[in-house]
N, C-alpha and C. Protein backbone atom coordinates (compact mmCIF):
# COMPACT_ATOMS: atom_id res chain seq x y z
N LEU A 1 176.83 237.00 164.05
CA LEU A 1 177.50 237.18 162.77
C LEU A 1 176.78 238.35 162.02
N LYS A 2 177.53 239.27 161.48
CA LYS A 2 176.97 240.40 160.76
C LYS A 2 176.99 240.07 159.27
N GLY A 3 175.99 240.47 158.53
CA GLY A 3 175.96 240.31 157.10
C GLY A 3 175.24 241.46 156.45
N THR A 4 175.37 241.55 155.13
CA THR A 4 174.72 242.61 154.37
C THR A 4 173.67 242.02 153.44
N VAL A 5 172.45 242.58 153.50
CA VAL A 5 171.42 242.09 152.63
C VAL A 5 171.73 242.43 151.17
N ARG A 6 171.80 241.41 150.33
CA ARG A 6 172.12 241.58 148.92
C ARG A 6 170.88 241.56 148.03
N ASN A 7 169.87 240.84 148.45
CA ASN A 7 168.64 240.72 147.62
C ASN A 7 167.49 240.32 148.53
N VAL A 8 166.31 240.92 148.27
CA VAL A 8 165.10 240.57 149.01
C VAL A 8 164.11 240.03 148.00
N VAL A 9 163.53 238.90 148.32
CA VAL A 9 162.57 238.23 147.50
C VAL A 9 161.35 237.86 148.31
N ASP A 10 160.29 237.39 147.68
CA ASP A 10 159.04 237.07 148.38
C ASP A 10 159.22 236.07 149.49
N PHE A 11 160.17 235.13 149.39
CA PHE A 11 160.31 234.11 150.41
C PHE A 11 161.44 234.38 151.42
N GLY A 12 162.10 235.53 151.33
CA GLY A 12 163.14 235.85 152.28
C GLY A 12 164.17 236.85 151.76
N ALA A 13 165.38 236.75 152.31
CA ALA A 13 166.46 237.68 151.94
C ALA A 13 167.76 236.93 151.87
N PHE A 14 168.54 237.28 150.86
CA PHE A 14 169.89 236.72 150.71
C PHE A 14 170.90 237.67 151.31
N VAL A 15 171.74 237.10 152.17
CA VAL A 15 172.68 237.92 152.99
C VAL A 15 174.08 237.47 152.72
N ASP A 16 174.94 238.46 152.45
CA ASP A 16 176.38 238.22 152.29
C ASP A 16 177.01 238.14 153.66
N ILE A 17 177.56 236.97 153.99
CA ILE A 17 178.18 236.82 155.33
C ILE A 17 179.68 236.63 155.20
N GLY A 18 180.23 236.95 154.03
CA GLY A 18 181.67 236.95 153.85
C GLY A 18 182.26 235.66 153.34
N VAL A 19 181.40 234.76 152.85
CA VAL A 19 181.90 233.54 152.22
C VAL A 19 181.39 233.54 150.75
N LYS A 20 181.80 232.54 149.99
CA LYS A 20 181.50 232.50 148.56
C LYS A 20 180.00 232.61 148.26
N GLN A 21 179.19 231.89 149.01
CA GLN A 21 177.75 231.80 148.71
C GLN A 21 176.99 232.64 149.74
N ASP A 22 176.05 233.44 149.24
CA ASP A 22 175.17 234.19 150.18
C ASP A 22 174.26 233.20 150.90
N GLY A 23 173.89 233.57 152.12
CA GLY A 23 172.97 232.77 152.89
C GLY A 23 171.56 233.26 152.72
N LEU A 24 170.59 232.39 152.98
CA LEU A 24 169.18 232.76 152.86
C LEU A 24 168.54 232.84 154.24
N VAL A 25 167.92 233.98 154.55
CA VAL A 25 167.11 234.08 155.71
C VAL A 25 165.66 233.93 155.23
N HIS A 26 165.08 232.77 155.48
CA HIS A 26 163.70 232.49 155.03
C HIS A 26 162.75 233.47 155.78
N VAL A 27 161.66 233.83 155.15
CA VAL A 27 160.69 234.78 155.74
C VAL A 27 160.23 234.31 157.10
N SER A 28 160.14 233.03 157.34
CA SER A 28 159.69 232.50 158.62
C SER A 28 160.75 232.67 159.72
N ARG A 29 161.99 233.07 159.34
CA ARG A 29 163.05 233.22 160.30
C ARG A 29 163.59 234.67 160.31
N MET A 30 162.76 235.61 159.87
CA MET A 30 163.20 237.02 159.78
C MET A 30 162.99 237.79 161.03
N ALA A 31 162.01 237.38 161.87
CA ALA A 31 161.67 238.15 163.05
C ALA A 31 160.98 237.25 164.06
N ASP A 32 160.87 237.77 165.26
CA ASP A 32 160.15 236.99 166.34
C ASP A 32 158.66 237.09 166.20
N ARG A 33 158.20 237.73 165.14
CA ARG A 33 156.78 237.94 164.90
C ARG A 33 156.49 237.44 163.46
N TYR A 34 155.24 237.36 163.13
CA TYR A 34 154.84 236.93 161.75
C TYR A 34 155.21 238.05 160.76
N VAL A 35 155.87 237.63 159.70
CA VAL A 35 156.28 238.54 158.68
C VAL A 35 155.56 238.10 157.37
N ARG A 36 154.69 238.97 156.85
CA ARG A 36 154.01 238.67 155.61
C ARG A 36 154.90 239.00 154.40
N ASN A 37 155.55 240.15 154.52
CA ASN A 37 156.31 240.68 153.36
C ASN A 37 157.74 240.97 153.83
N PRO A 38 158.75 240.24 153.32
CA PRO A 38 160.13 240.50 153.76
C PRO A 38 160.55 241.91 153.51
N PHE A 39 159.99 242.60 152.51
CA PHE A 39 160.34 243.99 152.19
C PHE A 39 159.97 244.94 153.34
N ASP A 40 159.06 244.51 154.20
CA ASP A 40 158.67 245.35 155.39
C ASP A 40 159.72 245.26 156.48
N VAL A 41 160.62 244.29 156.41
CA VAL A 41 161.57 244.00 157.50
C VAL A 41 162.99 244.42 157.15
N VAL A 42 163.41 244.13 155.91
CA VAL A 42 164.77 244.41 155.49
C VAL A 42 164.75 245.02 154.10
N SER A 43 165.89 245.71 153.78
CA SER A 43 166.08 246.29 152.48
C SER A 43 167.51 245.97 152.02
N VAL A 44 167.69 246.00 150.71
CA VAL A 44 169.05 245.74 150.15
C VAL A 44 170.00 246.76 150.77
N GLY A 45 171.14 246.29 151.21
CA GLY A 45 172.14 247.13 151.83
C GLY A 45 172.12 247.19 153.36
N ASP A 46 171.04 246.69 153.94
CA ASP A 46 170.95 246.65 155.40
C ASP A 46 172.03 245.71 155.95
N VAL A 47 172.64 246.11 157.07
CA VAL A 47 173.53 245.23 157.81
C VAL A 47 172.73 244.61 158.92
N VAL A 48 172.67 243.25 158.93
CA VAL A 48 171.85 242.55 159.88
C VAL A 48 172.67 241.53 160.69
N ASP A 49 172.15 241.18 161.88
CA ASP A 49 172.77 240.16 162.65
C ASP A 49 172.07 238.84 162.32
N VAL A 50 172.82 237.78 162.00
CA VAL A 50 172.27 236.52 161.60
C VAL A 50 173.00 235.38 162.37
N THR A 51 172.34 234.28 162.39
CA THR A 51 172.93 233.02 162.93
C THR A 51 172.81 232.01 161.87
N VAL A 52 173.88 231.21 161.69
CA VAL A 52 173.88 230.11 160.72
C VAL A 52 173.06 228.96 161.31
N ILE A 53 172.09 228.53 160.57
CA ILE A 53 171.20 227.40 161.01
C ILE A 53 171.70 226.09 160.38
N ASN A 54 172.08 226.15 159.07
CA ASN A 54 172.47 224.95 158.41
C ASN A 54 173.37 225.27 157.22
N VAL A 55 174.29 224.38 156.90
CA VAL A 55 175.10 224.50 155.70
C VAL A 55 174.96 223.20 154.91
N ASP A 56 174.44 223.34 153.72
CA ASP A 56 174.25 222.16 152.83
C ASP A 56 175.31 222.24 151.74
N LEU A 57 176.41 221.51 151.95
CA LEU A 57 177.55 221.56 151.04
C LEU A 57 177.22 221.01 149.65
N GLU A 58 176.39 219.95 149.62
CA GLU A 58 176.04 219.34 148.35
C GLU A 58 175.25 220.29 147.45
N ARG A 59 174.34 221.05 148.06
CA ARG A 59 173.48 221.97 147.25
C ARG A 59 174.08 223.37 147.25
N GLY A 60 175.07 223.64 148.05
CA GLY A 60 175.73 224.95 148.09
C GLY A 60 174.80 226.00 148.70
N ARG A 61 174.10 225.62 149.78
CA ARG A 61 173.13 226.52 150.42
C ARG A 61 173.50 226.75 151.88
N ILE A 62 173.25 227.98 152.31
CA ILE A 62 173.50 228.35 153.70
C ILE A 62 172.15 228.92 154.24
N SER A 63 171.63 228.28 155.30
CA SER A 63 170.40 228.74 155.90
C SER A 63 170.75 229.62 157.11
N LEU A 64 170.06 230.77 157.16
CA LEU A 64 170.32 231.73 158.25
C LEU A 64 169.05 232.07 158.99
N ARG A 65 169.23 232.58 160.21
CA ARG A 65 168.10 233.15 160.97
C ARG A 65 168.54 234.55 161.39
N ARG A 66 167.63 235.53 161.21
CA ARG A 66 167.93 236.92 161.57
C ARG A 66 167.67 237.12 163.04
N ARG A 67 168.60 237.77 163.71
CA ARG A 67 168.44 238.09 165.12
C ARG A 67 168.16 239.58 165.22
N GLU A 68 167.01 239.91 165.82
CA GLU A 68 166.69 241.34 166.00
C GLU A 68 167.38 241.82 167.27
N SER A 69 167.88 243.07 167.21
CA SER A 69 168.45 243.61 168.42
C SER A 69 167.38 243.87 169.44
N ARG A 70 167.79 243.91 170.71
CA ARG A 70 166.82 244.20 171.78
C ARG A 70 166.18 245.52 171.61
N LEU A 71 166.92 246.55 171.22
CA LEU A 71 166.39 247.89 170.96
C LEU A 71 165.28 247.84 169.90
N HIS A 72 165.56 247.12 168.82
CA HIS A 72 164.60 247.02 167.70
C HIS A 72 163.32 246.31 168.20
N ARG A 73 163.45 245.23 168.97
CA ARG A 73 162.26 244.52 169.48
C ARG A 73 161.49 245.43 170.43
N ASP A 74 162.16 246.14 171.34
CA ASP A 74 161.45 247.01 172.27
C ASP A 74 160.71 248.18 171.54
N THR A 75 161.37 248.70 170.54
CA THR A 75 160.79 249.82 169.76
C THR A 75 159.55 249.28 168.99
N GLN A 76 159.67 248.07 168.43
CA GLN A 76 158.54 247.46 167.71
C GLN A 76 157.35 247.22 168.62
N ARG A 77 157.60 246.68 169.83
CA ARG A 77 156.51 246.44 170.76
C ARG A 77 155.84 247.72 171.17
N CYS A 78 156.61 248.76 171.44
CA CYS A 78 156.07 250.09 171.81
C CYS A 78 155.19 250.65 170.71
N THR A 79 155.69 250.54 169.45
CA THR A 79 154.93 251.04 168.33
C THR A 79 153.62 250.23 168.18
N GLU A 80 153.66 248.93 168.37
CA GLU A 80 152.47 248.11 168.23
C GLU A 80 151.43 248.47 169.30
N MET A 81 151.94 248.80 170.54
CA MET A 81 151.05 249.09 171.64
C MET A 81 150.47 250.50 171.55
N HIS A 82 151.28 251.44 171.18
CA HIS A 82 150.89 252.88 171.21
C HIS A 82 150.76 253.56 169.84
N GLY A 83 151.13 252.88 168.79
CA GLY A 83 151.10 253.52 167.48
C GLY A 83 152.34 254.35 167.28
N ASP A 84 152.51 254.85 166.08
CA ASP A 84 153.68 255.64 165.72
C ASP A 84 153.40 257.08 166.06
N LYS A 85 153.94 257.59 167.14
CA LYS A 85 153.66 258.98 167.63
C LYS A 85 154.62 260.00 167.11
N ARG A 86 155.56 259.61 166.23
CA ARG A 86 156.51 260.57 165.70
C ARG A 86 155.80 261.59 164.77
N GLU A 87 156.28 262.77 164.86
CA GLU A 87 155.74 263.84 163.98
C GLU A 87 156.32 263.69 162.59
N HIS A 88 155.47 263.75 161.61
CA HIS A 88 155.92 263.68 160.24
C HIS A 88 155.96 265.04 159.62
N SER A 89 157.10 265.41 159.01
CA SER A 89 157.21 266.74 158.40
C SER A 89 156.93 266.67 156.92
């Protein structure tokens, strides 16, 4: 499911998935690795792939998990192993 990040807070990100209530991707479910700061992973306006984990109708909450693309994961691993070798202008 694709959604658009509407707000980023210390504990996660709120994502518009096309229903009345935005869903929350908790910081612990943002990546396959430890995320200290959600602002390092997503920004407002990003289009992200998410999975619905839970819908709490009584409280009006939707819990989401962010799915990283394989390309993003491979790029992240390469950067972690070899550092960022891109030239900066």
